[in-house]
């Protein structure tokens, strides 16, 4: 399944939810995610294989 900008995703190793913000890199394997930790906005780049789409 192809991940799209705006998808709610989670790390396969962690059930905390993130929002996929951008796809970067020529090969599209580096994905930037954003999430909240309390009142702080956090962001980090992950390999696409480490993420899964959250299906409600």
Protein backbone atom coordinates (compact mmCIF):
# COMPACT_ATOMS: atom_id res chain seq x y z
CA UNK A 1 0.00 0.00 0.00
CA UNK A 2 1.35 3.39 -1.02
CA UNK A 3 1.44 5.98 1.76
CA UNK A 4 0.08 9.42 0.88
CA UNK A 5 0.66 12.85 2.43
CA UNK A 6 -1.92 13.33 5.18
CA UNK A 7 -2.20 9.63 6.02
CA UNK A 8 -2.25 8.72 9.69
CA UNK A 9 0.62 6.28 10.16
CA UNK A 10 2.48 4.55 12.96
CA UNK A 11 5.90 3.03 13.40
CA UNK A 12 5.67 -0.72 13.14
CA UNK A 13 7.70 -0.89 16.37
CA UNK A 14 5.48 1.65 18.22
CA UNK A 15 1.71 2.21 18.22
CA UNK A 16 1.86 6.01 18.64
CA UNK A 17 0.12 7.77 15.74
CA UNK A 18 1.89 10.17 13.37
CA UNK A 19 0.79 12.17 10.32
CA UNK A 20 2.77 11.76 7.12
CA UNK A 21 3.74 15.27 5.97
CA UNK A 22 6.19 14.90 3.07
CA UNK A 23 7.91 12.32 0.94
CA UNK A 24 11.52 13.24 0.31
CA UNK A 25 14.48 11.81 -1.53
CA UNK A 26 14.73 10.80 -5.17
CA UNK A 27 13.68 7.23 -4.44
CA UNK A 28 10.76 8.15 -2.16
CA UNK A 29 11.93 6.00 0.75
CA UNK A 30 12.44 8.84 3.26
CA UNK A 31 9.18 10.03 4.82
CA UNK A 32 8.78 12.98 7.20
CA UNK A 33 6.19 12.51 9.94
CA UNK A 34 4.79 14.97 12.48
CA UNK A 35 3.12 14.25 15.82
CA UNK A 36 2.34 15.86 19.16
CA UNK A 37 4.09 15.08 22.42
CA UNK A 38 2.08 16.99 25.00
CA UNK A 39 1.98 20.56 23.64
CA UNK A 40 5.14 20.11 21.56
CA UNK A 41 5.11 19.38 17.83
CA UNK A 42 7.67 16.73 16.93
CA UNK A 43 8.90 15.62 13.53
CA UNK A 44 11.33 13.04 12.22
CA UNK A 45 12.31 11.29 9.01
CA UNK A 46 11.63 7.55 8.73
CA UNK A 47 12.27 4.86 6.14
CA UNK A 48 9.01 3.95 4.39
CA UNK A 49 9.33 0.29 5.40
CA UNK A 50 9.24 1.25 9.10
CA UNK A 51 5.76 2.82 8.80
CA UNK A 52 2.28 1.35 8.46
CA UNK A 53 -0.96 3.14 7.60
CA UNK A 54 -3.50 3.36 10.43
CA UNK A 55 -6.89 2.08 9.28
CA UNK A 56 -9.71 3.26 11.51
